[in-house]
Amino acid sequence: MTTIADQLRRIVDDAAPRLGRMSEADVTRERGPDKWVKKQILGHLIDSAINNDVRFVLAQLADPFVGPGYNQNVWNAAHGYRERRWTELVHLWVAINEHLAHAMARIPDAKLNVRCVIGAAAPVTLEWLINDYVEHLEHHLEQILA
């Protein structure tokens, strides 16, 4: 998993300064009805990292790993991302992803095929979950940085 961990580190290293240069006005600008502002999107990525960190660790202990899904709107509202300082969110996002990349790199190859059932979704492998996490992160970063 070192390759995907290195990819995550490169994404974070590239995005962090770009995120850091964004103004509060930029990240709180409305994007349309029922759409999160950029602060909330970054908050969603923080919540995603937290949820996936738990999955990546616990999936190494059980086959199959069965874990809950998460209600992204509830998590986002509970953390009040819209009201938080942008710089605080950027620092937290960088730190949690550096932490996650380190954990990813330590996952033994023998654990990558562990079956994982998240909420009501169809079973996938731990490797699929890890790759999906990075793809999901890239998708939302594009929304923020566009």
N, C-alpha and C. Protein backbone atom coordinates (compact mmCIF):
# COMPACT_ATOMS: atom_id res chain seq x y z
N MET A 1 0.81 -1.19 0.00
CA MET A 1 0.00 0.00 0.00
C MET A 1 0.86 1.26 0.00
N THR A 2 2.15 1.09 -0.08
CA THR A 2 3.02 2.25 -0.08
C THR A 2 2.73 3.16 -1.27
N THR A 3 2.42 2.60 -2.43
CA THR A 3 2.18 3.41 -3.62
C THR A 3 0.98 4.33 -3.44
N ILE A 4 -0.12 3.81 -2.95
CA ILE A 4 -1.32 4.64 -2.76
C ILE A 4 -1.09 5.65 -1.63
N ALA A 5 -0.34 5.25 -0.62
CA ALA A 5 -0.01 6.17 0.47
C ALA A 5 0.84 7.33 -0.06
N ASP A 6 1.80 7.01 -0.92
CA ASP A 6 2.63 8.06 -1.53
C ASP A 6 1.80 8.97 -2.42
N GLN A 7 0.84 8.39 -3.13
CA GLN A 7 -0.06 9.19 -3.97
C GLN A 7 -0.85 10.16 -3.09
N LEU A 8 -1.37 9.66 -1.98
CA LEU A 8 -2.12 10.53 -1.07
C LEU A 8 -1.23 11.65 -0.55
N ARG A 9 -0.01 11.33 -0.18
CA ARG A 9 0.91 12.37 0.31
C ARG A 9 1.16 13.44 -0.76
N ARG A 10 1.35 13.01 -2.02
CA ARG A 10 1.58 13.97 -3.11
C ARG A 10 0.36 14.88 -3.31
N ILE A 11 -0.83 14.29 -3.26
CA ILE A 11 -2.06 15.08 -3.42
C ILE A 11 -2.14 16.14 -2.32
N VAL A 12 -1.90 15.72 -1.09
CA VAL A 12 -1.97 16.65 0.05
C VAL A 12 -0.89 17.72 -0.07
N ASP A 13 0.32 17.33 -0.41
CA ASP A 13 1.41 18.30 -0.54
C ASP A 13 1.12 19.33 -1.63
N ASP A 14 0.47 18.90 -2.71
CA ASP A 14 0.12 19.80 -3.79
C ASP A 14 -1.04 20.72 -3.42
N ALA A 15 -2.04 20.16 -2.77
CA ALA A 15 -3.26 20.92 -2.48
C ALA A 15 -3.11 21.86 -1.29
N ALA A 16 -2.33 21.51 -0.30
CA ALA A 16 -2.26 22.29 0.94
C ALA A 16 -1.93 23.77 0.71
N PRO A 17 -0.91 24.11 -0.06
CA PRO A 17 -0.64 25.55 -0.24
C PRO A 17 -1.74 26.25 -1.03
N ARG A 18 -2.33 25.54 -1.96
CA ARG A 18 -3.42 26.13 -2.75
C ARG A 18 -4.64 26.38 -1.86
N LEU A 19 -4.94 25.44 -0.99
CA LEU A 19 -6.04 25.64 -0.05
C LEU A 19 -5.73 26.79 0.90
N GLY A 20 -4.49 26.84 1.36
CA GLY A 20 -4.09 27.87 2.31
C GLY A 20 -4.19 29.29 1.76
N ARG A 21 -4.12 29.43 0.45
CA ARG A 21 -4.22 30.76 -0.17
C ARG A 21 -5.66 31.21 -0.39
N MET A 22 -6.62 30.35 -0.14
CA MET A 22 -8.02 30.72 -0.37
C MET A 22 -8.51 31.61 0.76
N SER A 23 -9.32 32.58 0.41
CA SER A 23 -9.84 33.52 1.41
C SER A 23 -11.11 32.99 2.06
N GLU A 24 -11.43 33.54 3.21
CA GLU A 24 -12.69 33.20 3.89
C GLU A 24 -13.88 33.49 2.98
N ALA A 25 -13.80 34.59 2.23
CA ALA A 25 -14.90 34.93 1.32
C ALA A 25 -15.07 33.85 0.25
N ASP A 26 -13.95 33.36 -0.25
CA ASP A 26 -13.98 32.30 -1.27
C ASP A 26 -14.63 31.02 -0.75
N VAL A 27 -14.28 30.64 0.45
CA VAL A 27 -14.69 29.33 0.96
C VAL A 27 -16.05 29.35 1.64
N THR A 28 -16.63 30.53 1.78
CA THR A 28 -17.98 30.62 2.35
C THR A 28 -19.00 31.08 1.31
N ARG A 29 -18.55 31.30 0.07
CA ARG A 29 -19.45 31.73 -1.00
C ARG A 29 -20.44 30.62 -1.32
N GLU A 30 -21.70 31.01 -1.42
CA GLU A 30 -22.75 30.04 -1.75
C GLU A 30 -22.50 29.44 -3.13
N ARG A 31 -22.77 28.17 -3.26
CA ARG A 31 -22.57 27.46 -4.52
C ARG A 31 -23.89 27.06 -5.18
N GLY A 32 -24.99 27.35 -4.52
CA GLY A 32 -26.30 27.00 -5.06
C GLY A 32 -27.15 26.36 -3.99
N PRO A 33 -28.45 26.23 -4.28
CA PRO A 33 -29.35 25.64 -3.30
C PRO A 33 -28.93 24.21 -2.94
N ASP A 34 -28.96 23.92 -1.66
CA ASP A 34 -28.65 22.58 -1.15
C ASP A 34 -27.23 22.11 -1.48
N LYS A 35 -26.33 23.04 -1.74
CA LYS A 35 -24.92 22.68 -1.97
C LYS A 35 -24.09 23.22 -0.83
N TRP A 36 -23.13 22.42 -0.41
CA TRP A 36 -22.22 22.86 0.63
C TRP A 36 -21.30 23.95 0.11
N VAL A 37 -20.93 24.89 1.00
CA VAL A 37 -19.87 25.84 0.67
C VAL A 37 -18.55 25.07 0.78
N LYS A 38 -17.48 25.66 0.28
CA LYS A 38 -16.20 24.96 0.23
C LYS A 38 -15.70 24.54 1.62
N LYS A 39 -15.98 25.32 2.64
CA LYS A 39 -15.61 24.91 4.00
C LYS A 39 -16.26 23.57 4.36
N GLN A 40 -17.51 23.44 4.00
CA GLN A 40 -18.24 22.21 4.32
C GLN A 40 -17.73 21.02 3.50
N ILE A 41 -17.29 21.28 2.29
CA ILE A 41 -16.72 20.20 1.48
C ILE A 41 -15.42 19.71 2.12
N LEU A 42 -14.57 20.65 2.54
CA LEU A 42 -13.33 20.24 3.20
C LEU A 42 -13.65 19.53 4.51
N GLY A 43 -14.65 20.00 5.22
CA GLY A 43 -15.08 19.31 6.44
C GLY A 43 -15.53 17.89 6.14
N HIS A 44 -16.24 17.73 5.04
CA HIS A 44 -16.67 16.38 4.62
C HIS A 44 -15.44 15.50 4.38
N LEU A 45 -14.40 16.07 3.79
CA LEU A 45 -13.18 15.28 3.56
C LEU A 45 -12.49 14.92 4.88
N ILE A 46 -12.58 15.79 5.86
CA ILE A 46 -12.04 15.48 7.18
C ILE A 46 -12.83 14.33 7.80
N ASP A 47 -14.16 14.41 7.74
CA ASP A 47 -15.00 13.33 8.27
C ASP A 47 -14.75 12.02 7.54
N SER A 48 -14.58 12.10 6.24
CA SER A 48 -14.29 10.90 5.45
C SER A 48 -12.98 10.26 5.90
N ALA A 49 -11.97 11.08 6.13
CA ALA A 49 -10.68 10.55 6.60
C ALA A 49 -10.83 9.88 7.95
N ILE A 50 -11.58 10.50 8.84
CA ILE A 50 -11.77 9.93 10.18
C ILE A 50 -12.50 8.59 10.09
N ASN A 51 -13.57 8.55 9.33
CA ASN A 51 -14.33 7.30 9.19
C ASN A 51 -13.49 6.22 8.52
N ASN A 52 -12.73 6.59 7.51
CA ASN A 52 -11.93 5.60 6.81
C ASN A 52 -10.73 5.14 7.60
N ASP A 53 -10.17 5.98 8.44
CA ASP A 53 -9.08 5.55 9.30
C ASP A 53 -9.54 4.38 10.18
N VAL A 54 -10.71 4.52 10.76
CA VAL A 54 -11.27 3.45 11.59
C VAL A 54 -11.46 2.18 10.75
N ARG A 55 -12.02 2.33 9.58
CA ARG A 55 -12.25 1.17 8.70
C ARG A 55 -10.94 0.48 8.34
N PHE A 56 -9.93 1.27 7.95
CA PHE A 56 -8.67 0.69 7.51
C PHE A 56 -7.98 -0.08 8.63
N VAL A 57 -8.10 0.40 9.84
CA VAL A 57 -7.48 -0.29 10.98
C VAL A 57 -8.29 -1.53 11.37
N LEU A 58 -9.59 -1.36 11.55
CA LEU A 58 -10.41 -2.49 12.02
C LEU A 58 -10.54 -3.60 10.98
N ALA A 59 -10.46 -3.25 9.71
CA ALA A 59 -10.54 -4.27 8.66
C ALA A 59 -9.35 -5.23 8.71
N GLN A 60 -8.28 -4.82 9.34
CA GLN A 60 -7.13 -5.71 9.48
C GLN A 60 -7.33 -6.74 10.59
N LEU A 61 -8.41 -6.58 11.37
CA LEU A 61 -8.64 -7.45 12.51
C LEU A 61 -9.74 -8.47 12.29
N ALA A 62 -10.53 -8.32 11.23
CA ALA A 62 -11.66 -9.22 11.02
C ALA A 62 -11.92 -9.40 9.53
N ASP A 63 -12.28 -10.62 9.16
CA ASP A 63 -12.67 -10.88 7.77
C ASP A 63 -13.93 -11.72 7.79
N PRO A 64 -15.07 -11.14 7.48
CA PRO A 64 -15.23 -9.80 6.93
C PRO A 64 -15.27 -8.73 8.02
N PHE A 65 -14.90 -7.52 7.61
CA PHE A 65 -15.10 -6.36 8.46
C PHE A 65 -16.48 -5.82 8.13
N VAL A 66 -17.29 -5.60 9.16
CA VAL A 66 -18.62 -5.02 8.98
C VAL A 66 -18.66 -3.74 9.80
N GLY A 67 -18.88 -2.63 9.11
CA GLY A 67 -18.90 -1.35 9.80
C GLY A 67 -20.04 -0.48 9.33
N PRO A 68 -20.35 0.52 10.10
CA PRO A 68 -21.47 1.40 9.74
C PRO A 68 -21.11 2.34 8.60
N GLY A 69 -22.13 2.77 7.88
CA GLY A 69 -21.96 3.86 6.95
C GLY A 69 -21.93 5.13 7.77
N TYR A 70 -21.98 6.27 7.11
CA TYR A 70 -22.09 7.49 7.89
C TYR A 70 -22.94 8.50 7.15
N ASN A 71 -23.71 9.23 7.91
CA ASN A 71 -24.59 10.24 7.35
C ASN A 71 -23.79 11.55 7.25
N GLN A 72 -23.35 11.85 6.05
CA GLN A 72 -22.44 12.98 5.85
C GLN A 72 -23.05 14.32 6.28
N ASN A 73 -24.34 14.48 6.09
CA ASN A 73 -24.97 15.75 6.48
C ASN A 73 -25.01 15.92 8.00
N VAL A 74 -25.27 14.83 8.70
CA VAL A 74 -25.29 14.88 10.16
C VAL A 74 -23.89 15.20 10.69
N TRP A 75 -22.88 14.52 10.16
CA TRP A 75 -21.51 14.76 10.60
C TRP A 75 -21.11 16.21 10.33
N ASN A 76 -21.42 16.69 9.13
CA ASN A 76 -21.03 18.04 8.75
C ASN A 76 -21.68 19.07 9.67
N ALA A 77 -22.96 18.89 9.93
CA ALA A 77 -23.67 19.82 10.82
C ALA A 77 -23.14 19.73 12.25
N ALA A 78 -22.86 18.53 12.71
CA ALA A 78 -22.38 18.34 14.09
C ALA A 78 -21.05 19.05 14.32
N HIS A 79 -20.21 19.10 13.30
CA HIS A 79 -18.91 19.75 13.44
C HIS A 79 -18.95 21.23 13.12
N GLY A 80 -20.06 21.71 12.56
CA GLY A 80 -20.20 23.13 12.29
C GLY A 80 -19.12 23.70 11.39
N TYR A 81 -18.78 22.96 10.35
CA TYR A 81 -17.66 23.38 9.49
C TYR A 81 -17.85 24.76 8.87
N ARG A 82 -19.07 25.10 8.57
CA ARG A 82 -19.33 26.40 7.94
C ARG A 82 -18.88 27.56 8.84
N GLU A 83 -18.92 27.36 10.15
CA GLU A 83 -18.56 28.43 11.09
C GLU A 83 -17.10 28.39 11.53
N ARG A 84 -16.37 27.37 11.14
CA ARG A 84 -14.98 27.23 11.59
C ARG A 84 -14.05 28.09 10.74
N ARG A 85 -12.90 28.39 11.28
CA ARG A 85 -11.88 29.14 10.53
C ARG A 85 -11.28 28.25 9.45
N TRP A 86 -11.12 28.80 8.26
CA TRP A 86 -10.60 28.04 7.12
C TRP A 86 -9.20 27.50 7.41
N THR A 87 -8.34 28.32 7.98
CA THR A 87 -6.97 27.87 8.24
C THR A 87 -6.96 26.67 9.19
N GLU A 88 -7.84 26.68 10.17
CA GLU A 88 -7.95 25.54 11.10
C GLU A 88 -8.33 24.28 10.34
N LEU A 89 -9.30 24.39 9.43
CA LEU A 89 -9.75 23.23 8.66
C LEU A 89 -8.66 22.70 7.74
N VAL A 90 -7.94 23.60 7.11
CA VAL A 90 -6.85 23.17 6.22
C VAL A 90 -5.80 22.41 7.01
N HIS A 91 -5.40 22.95 8.16
CA HIS A 91 -4.38 22.27 8.98
C HIS A 91 -4.87 20.90 9.43
N LEU A 92 -6.12 20.81 9.84
CA LEU A 92 -6.68 19.54 10.28
C LEU A 92 -6.73 18.54 9.13
N TRP A 93 -7.16 19.00 7.95
CA TRP A 93 -7.24 18.12 6.77
C TRP A 93 -5.85 17.58 6.40
N VAL A 94 -4.86 18.44 6.42
CA VAL A 94 -3.49 18.01 6.11
C VAL A 94 -3.03 16.98 7.14
N ALA A 95 -3.20 17.28 8.41
CA ALA A 95 -2.72 16.38 9.47
C ALA A 95 -3.39 15.02 9.43
N ILE A 96 -4.71 14.99 9.25
CA ILE A 96 -5.41 13.70 9.27
C ILE A 96 -5.03 12.87 8.05
N ASN A 97 -4.77 13.51 6.92
CA ASN A 97 -4.38 12.75 5.74
C ASN A 97 -2.93 12.28 5.80
N GLU A 98 -2.06 13.04 6.43
CA GLU A 98 -0.70 12.56 6.66
C GLU A 98 -0.73 11.33 7.58
N HIS A 99 -1.56 11.41 8.60
CA HIS A 99 -1.75 10.30 9.53
C HIS A 99 -2.30 9.07 8.79
N LEU A 100 -3.28 9.29 7.95
CA LEU A 100 -3.90 8.20 7.21
C LEU A 100 -2.92 7.58 6.21
N ALA A 101 -2.13 8.40 5.52
CA ALA A 101 -1.14 7.87 4.57
C ALA A 101 -0.13 6.99 5.30
N HIS A 102 0.28 7.40 6.48
CA HIS A 102 1.21 6.60 7.26
C HIS A 102 0.59 5.24 7.61
N ALA A 103 -0.67 5.25 8.03
CA ALA A 103 -1.36 4.00 8.36
C ALA A 103 -1.53 3.12 7.13
N MET A 104 -1.88 3.73 6.00
CA MET A 104 -2.06 2.96 4.76
C MET A 104 -0.77 2.22 4.39
N ALA A 105 0.35 2.91 4.49
CA ALA A 105 1.63 2.33 4.10
C ALA A 105 1.99 1.12 4.96
N ARG A 106 1.42 1.02 6.14
CA ARG A 106 1.73 -0.07 7.06
C ARG A 106 0.81 -1.28 6.92
N ILE A 107 -0.20 -1.19 6.07
CA ILE A 107 -1.13 -2.31 5.91
C ILE A 107 -0.43 -3.43 5.15
N PRO A 108 -0.37 -4.62 5.73
CA PRO A 108 0.27 -5.74 5.05
C PRO A 108 -0.51 -6.14 3.79
N ASP A 109 0.21 -6.52 2.75
CA ASP A 109 -0.43 -6.95 1.51
C ASP A 109 -1.44 -8.07 1.75
N ALA A 110 -1.16 -8.93 2.71
CA ALA A 110 -2.05 -10.05 3.01
C ALA A 110 -3.43 -9.59 3.49
N LYS A 111 -3.54 -8.36 3.94
CA LYS A 111 -4.82 -7.85 4.45
C LYS A 111 -5.64 -7.12 3.38
N LEU A 112 -5.09 -6.89 2.23
CA LEU A 112 -5.77 -6.07 1.22
C LEU A 112 -7.03 -6.72 0.65
N ASN A 113 -7.12 -8.03 0.74
CA ASN A 113 -8.31 -8.72 0.22
C ASN A 113 -9.37 -8.99 1.27
N VAL A 114 -9.20 -8.44 2.46
CA VAL A 114 -10.23 -8.58 3.49
C VAL A 114 -11.53 -7.99 2.95
N ARG A 115 -12.61 -8.72 3.12
CA ARG A 115 -13.92 -8.24 2.68
C ARG A 115 -14.43 -7.21 3.68
N CYS A 116 -14.99 -6.14 3.14
CA CYS A 116 -15.51 -5.05 3.97
C CYS A 116 -16.94 -4.75 3.56
N VAL A 117 -17.80 -4.70 4.54
CA VAL A 117 -19.20 -4.33 4.31
C VAL A 117 -19.45 -3.06 5.11
N ILE A 118 -19.73 -1.99 4.38
CA ILE A 118 -19.95 -0.70 5.01
C ILE A 118 -21.44 -0.35 4.87
N GLY A 119 -22.12 -0.26 6.00
CA GLY A 119 -23.55 0.03 5.97
C GLY A 119 -24.29 -1.01 5.15
N ALA A 120 -25.15 -0.56 4.26
CA ALA A 120 -25.94 -1.46 3.43
C ALA A 120 -25.29 -1.72 2.07
N ALA A 121 -24.06 -1.25 1.87
CA ALA A 121 -23.39 -1.40 0.57
C ALA A 121 -22.94 -2.84 0.35
N ALA A 122 -22.73 -3.18 -0.89
CA ALA A 122 -22.21 -4.50 -1.26
C ALA A 122 -20.78 -4.65 -0.75
N PRO A 123 -20.37 -5.87 -0.45
CA PRO A 123 -19.01 -6.08 0.04
C PRO A 123 -17.96 -5.64 -0.98
N VAL A 124 -16.88 -5.09 -0.47
CA VAL A 124 -15.73 -4.71 -1.27
C VAL A 124 -14.48 -5.15 -0.51
N THR A 125 -13.33 -5.05 -1.12
CA THR A 125 -12.10 -5.38 -0.41
C THR A 125 -11.54 -4.14 0.28
N LEU A 126 -10.66 -4.38 1.23
CA LEU A 126 -9.97 -3.28 1.89
C LEU A 126 -9.20 -2.47 0.86
N GLU A 127 -8.57 -3.12 -0.07
CA GLU A 127 -7.82 -2.41 -1.12
C GLU A 127 -8.76 -1.49 -1.91
N TRP A 128 -9.95 -1.97 -2.23
CA TRP A 128 -10.92 -1.14 -2.94
C TRP A 128 -11.29 0.09 -2.11
N LEU A 129 -11.53 -0.12 -0.82
CA LEU A 129 -11.87 1.00 0.06
C LEU A 129 -10.78 2.07 0.07
N ILE A 130 -9.55 1.63 0.13
CA ILE A 130 -8.42 2.55 0.17
C ILE A 130 -8.34 3.35 -1.12
N ASN A 131 -8.44 2.67 -2.25
CA ASN A 131 -8.39 3.36 -3.54
C ASN A 131 -9.58 4.30 -3.71
N ASP A 132 -10.74 3.86 -3.26
CA ASP A 132 -11.94 4.69 -3.35
C ASP A 132 -11.79 5.95 -2.50
N TYR A 133 -11.17 5.82 -1.34
CA TYR A 133 -10.95 6.98 -0.49
C TYR A 133 -10.16 8.06 -1.23
N VAL A 134 -9.08 7.66 -1.88
CA VAL A 134 -8.23 8.62 -2.57
C VAL A 134 -8.97 9.23 -3.76
N GLU A 135 -9.71 8.42 -4.50
CA GLU A 135 -10.50 8.95 -5.63
C GLU A 135 -11.55 9.95 -5.14
N HIS A 136 -12.21 9.62 -4.05
CA HIS A 136 -13.22 10.49 -3.44
C HIS A 136 -12.60 11.82 -3.02
N LEU A 137 -11.45 11.75 -2.41
CA LEU A 137 -10.74 12.95 -1.98
C LEU A 137 -10.40 13.83 -3.18
N GLU A 138 -9.89 13.22 -4.25
CA GLU A 138 -9.54 14.00 -5.45
C GLU A 138 -10.78 14.67 -6.06
N HIS A 139 -11.88 13.96 -6.09
CA HIS A 139 -13.12 14.50 -6.63
C HIS A 139 -13.53 15.77 -5.89
N HIS A 140 -13.53 15.70 -4.57
CA HIS A 140 -13.96 16.86 -3.79
C HIS A 140 -12.92 17.98 -3.78
N LEU A 141 -11.65 17.65 -3.88
CA LEU A 141 -10.64 18.71 -3.99
C LEU A 141 -10.85 19.51 -5.26
N GLU A 142 -11.22 18.83 -6.33
CA GLU A 142 -11.51 19.55 -7.58
C GLU A 142 -12.65 20.54 -7.38
N GLN A 143 -13.67 20.16 -6.62
CA GLN A 143 -14.76 21.08 -6.34
C GLN A 143 -14.29 22.31 -5.56
N ILE A 144 -13.40 22.09 -4.62
CA ILE A 144 -12.93 23.19 -3.78
C ILE A 144 -12.00 24.10 -4.57
N LEU A 145 -11.10 23.52 -5.33
CA LEU A 145 -10.05 24.30 -6.00
C LEU A 145 -10.49 24.89 -7.34
N ALA A 146 -11.65 24.49 -7.83
CA ALA A 146 -12.12 25.00 -9.13
C ALA A 146 -12.43 26.47 -9.06
